Amino acid sequence: MRQGPAYWFPSKRYGWGWGLPTCWQGWTVFGVYLALVPLGFLIFPPHERFVEFMVFTHAVTLLLIFICWLKGEPPRWRWGD
């Protein structure tokens, strides 16, 4: 049985944080995030339910950051090669 990559999200070459995913699991997480954010506009229209929209958007974003922290390369400041 083939083992997947150790990290779903590699570190960025410059700066702090993670780059685009490198495996299907990471792309799935990223795709779900990209689907949930616009869904938030439909569920919580910002002009009617701004607070709920912001809570939803922040919660989804924090969940993405948490998954990146767990499944990504350890973040640190990078200056390139």
C-alpha atoms as a PDB file:
ATOM      1  CA  MET A   1       0.000   0.000   0.000  1.00  0.00           C
ATOM      2  CA  ARG A   2       1.363   3.385  -1.045  1.00  0.00           C
ATOM      3  CA  GLN A   3       1.730   6.022   1.628  1.00  0.00           C
ATOM      4  CA  GLY A   4       0.830   9.626   0.794  1.00  0.00           C
ATOM      5  CA  PRO A   5       3.065  12.638   1.341  1.00  0.00           C
ATOM      6  CA  ALA A   6       3.945  13.551   4.903  1.00  0.00           C
ATOM      7  CA  TYR A   7       2.514  17.056   4.526  1.00  0.00           C
ATOM      8  CA  TRP A   8      -0.669  18.114   2.765  1.00  0.00           C
ATOM      9  CA  PHE A   9       0.395  21.772   2.734  1.00  0.00           C
ATOM     10  CA  PRO A  10       4.058  22.711   2.162  1.00  0.00           C
ATOM     11  CA  SER A  11       5.585  25.867   3.590  1.00  0.00           C
ATOM     12  CA  LYS A  12       5.745  28.914   1.388  1.00  0.00           C
ATOM     13  CA  ARG A  13       9.127  29.699  -0.085  1.00  0.00           C
ATOM     14  CA  TYR A  14       9.006  33.320   1.145  1.00  0.00           C
ATOM     15  CA  GLY A  15       7.271  34.533   4.280  1.00  0.00           C
ATOM     16  CA  TRP A  16       5.280  32.646   6.902  1.00  0.00           C
ATOM     17  CA  GLY A  17       2.532  30.122   6.276  1.00  0.00           C
ATOM     18  CA  TRP A  18       1.581  27.439   3.797  1.00  0.00           C
ATOM     19  CA  GLY A  19       1.388  27.205   0.041  1.00  0.00           C
ATOM     20  CA  LEU A  20      -1.050  25.350  -2.171  1.00  0.00           C
ATOM     21  CA  PRO A  21      -1.750  21.695  -1.346  1.00  0.00           C
ATOM     22  CA  THR A  22       0.440  18.914  -2.735  1.00  0.00           C
ATOM     23  CA  CYS A  23      -1.937  15.936  -2.456  1.00  0.00           C
ATOM     24  CA  TRP A  24      -5.578  15.121  -3.014  1.00  0.00           C
ATOM     25  CA  GLN A  25      -6.403  15.349   0.701  1.00  0.00           C
ATOM     26  CA  GLY A  26      -5.127  18.905   0.852  1.00  0.00           C
ATOM     27  CA  TRP A  27      -6.945  19.836  -2.350  1.00  0.00           C
ATOM     28  CA  THR A  28     -10.153  18.372  -0.910  1.00  0.00           C
ATOM     29  CA  VAL A  29      -9.844  20.479   2.248  1.00  0.00           C
ATOM     30  CA  PHE A  30      -9.035  23.566   0.170  1.00  0.00           C
ATOM     31  CA  GLY A  31     -11.950  22.873  -2.198  1.00  0.00           C
ATOM     32  CA  VAL A  32     -14.409  22.467   0.680  1.00  0.00           C
ATOM     33  CA  TYR A  33     -13.183  25.778   2.094  1.00  0.00           C
ATOM     34  CA  LEU A  34     -13.618  27.471  -1.278  1.00  0.00           C
ATOM     35  CA  ALA A  35     -17.156  26.064  -1.494  1.00  0.00           C
ATOM     36  CA  LEU A  36     -18.156  27.000   2.063  1.00  0.00           C
ATOM     37  CA  VAL A  37     -17.176  30.666   1.866  1.00  0.00           C
ATOM     38  CA  PRO A  38     -19.557  31.500  -1.018  1.00  0.00           C
ATOM     39  CA  LEU A  39     -22.195  29.293   0.618  1.00  0.00           C
ATOM     40  CA  GLY A  40     -21.942  31.611   3.609  1.00  0.00           C
ATOM     41  CA  PHE A  41     -23.131  34.464   1.362  1.00  0.00           C
ATOM     42  CA  LEU A  42     -26.261  32.465   0.556  1.00  0.00           C
ATOM     43  CA  ILE A  43     -26.985  31.222   4.082  1.00  0.00           C
ATOM     44  CA  PHE A  44     -26.137  34.491   5.833  1.00  0.00           C
ATOM     45  CA  PRO A  45     -26.565  37.410   3.396  1.00  0.00           C
ATOM     46  CA  PRO A  46     -24.105  40.019   4.740  1.00  0.00           C
ATOM     47  CA  HIS A  47     -26.484  42.943   4.203  1.00  0.00           C
ATOM     48  CA  GLU A  48     -29.120  41.203   6.377  1.00  0.00           C
ATOM     49  CA  ARG A  49     -27.163  39.032   8.826  1.00  0.00           C
ATOM     50  CA  PHE A  50     -23.711  40.569   8.969  1.00  0.00           C
ATOM     51  CA  VAL A  51     -22.687  39.240  12.396  1.00  0.00           C
ATOM     52  CA  GLU A  52     -23.706  35.668  11.560  1.00  0.00           C
ATOM     53  CA  PHE A  53     -21.902  35.910   8.219  1.00  0.00           C
ATOM     54  CA  MET A  54     -18.698  37.114   9.897  1.00  0.00           C
ATOM     55  CA  VAL A  55     -18.867  34.395  12.569  1.00  0.00           C
ATOM     56  CA  PHE A  56     -19.383  31.733   9.869  1.00  0.00           C
ATOM     57  CA  THR A  57     -16.567  33.067   7.676  1.00  0.00           C
ATOM     58  CA  HIS A  58     -14.146  33.328  10.586  1.00  0.00           C
ATOM     59  CA  ALA A  59     -15.055  29.838  11.835  1.00  0.00           C
ATOM     60  CA  VAL A  60     -14.486  28.268   8.403  1.00  0.00           C
ATOM     61  CA  THR A  61     -11.185  30.126   7.994  1.00  0.00           C
ATOM     62  CA  LEU A  62      -9.983  29.131  11.468  1.00  0.00           C
ATOM     63  CA  LEU A  63     -10.861  25.520  10.667  1.00  0.00           C
ATOM     64  CA  LEU A  64      -8.732  25.724   7.492  1.00  0.00           C
ATOM     65  CA  ILE A  65      -5.822  27.209   9.458  1.00  0.00           C
ATOM     66  CA  PHE A  66      -6.164  24.487  12.099  1.00  0.00           C
ATOM     67  CA  ILE A  67      -6.059  21.737   9.458  1.00  0.00           C
ATOM     68  CA  CYS A  68      -3.053  23.393   7.804  1.00  0.00           C
ATOM     69  CA  TRP A  69      -1.340  23.523  11.202  1.00  0.00           C
ATOM     70  CA  LEU A  70      -1.998  19.808  11.800  1.00  0.00           C
ATOM     71  CA  LYS A  71      -1.308  18.485   8.304  1.00  0.00           C
ATOM     72  CA  GLY A  72       1.108  21.080   6.952  1.00  0.00           C
ATOM     73  CA  GLU A  73       4.819  21.612   7.200  1.00  0.00           C
ATOM     74  CA  PRO A  74       5.736  23.412  10.446  1.00  0.00           C
ATOM     75  CA  PRO A  75       5.421  27.140   9.759  1.00  0.00           C
ATOM     76  CA  ARG A  76       8.331  29.507  10.195  1.00  0.00           C
ATOM     77  CA  TRP A  77       9.582  32.598   8.444  1.00  0.00           C
ATOM     78  CA  ARG A  78      11.407  31.745   5.217  1.00  0.00           C
ATOM     79  CA  TRP A  79      13.606  33.922   3.035  1.00  0.00           C
ATOM     80  CA  GLY A  80      13.708  31.609   0.019  1.00  0.00           C
ATOM     81  CA  ASP A  81      16.320  29.056  -0.949  1.00  0.00           C
END
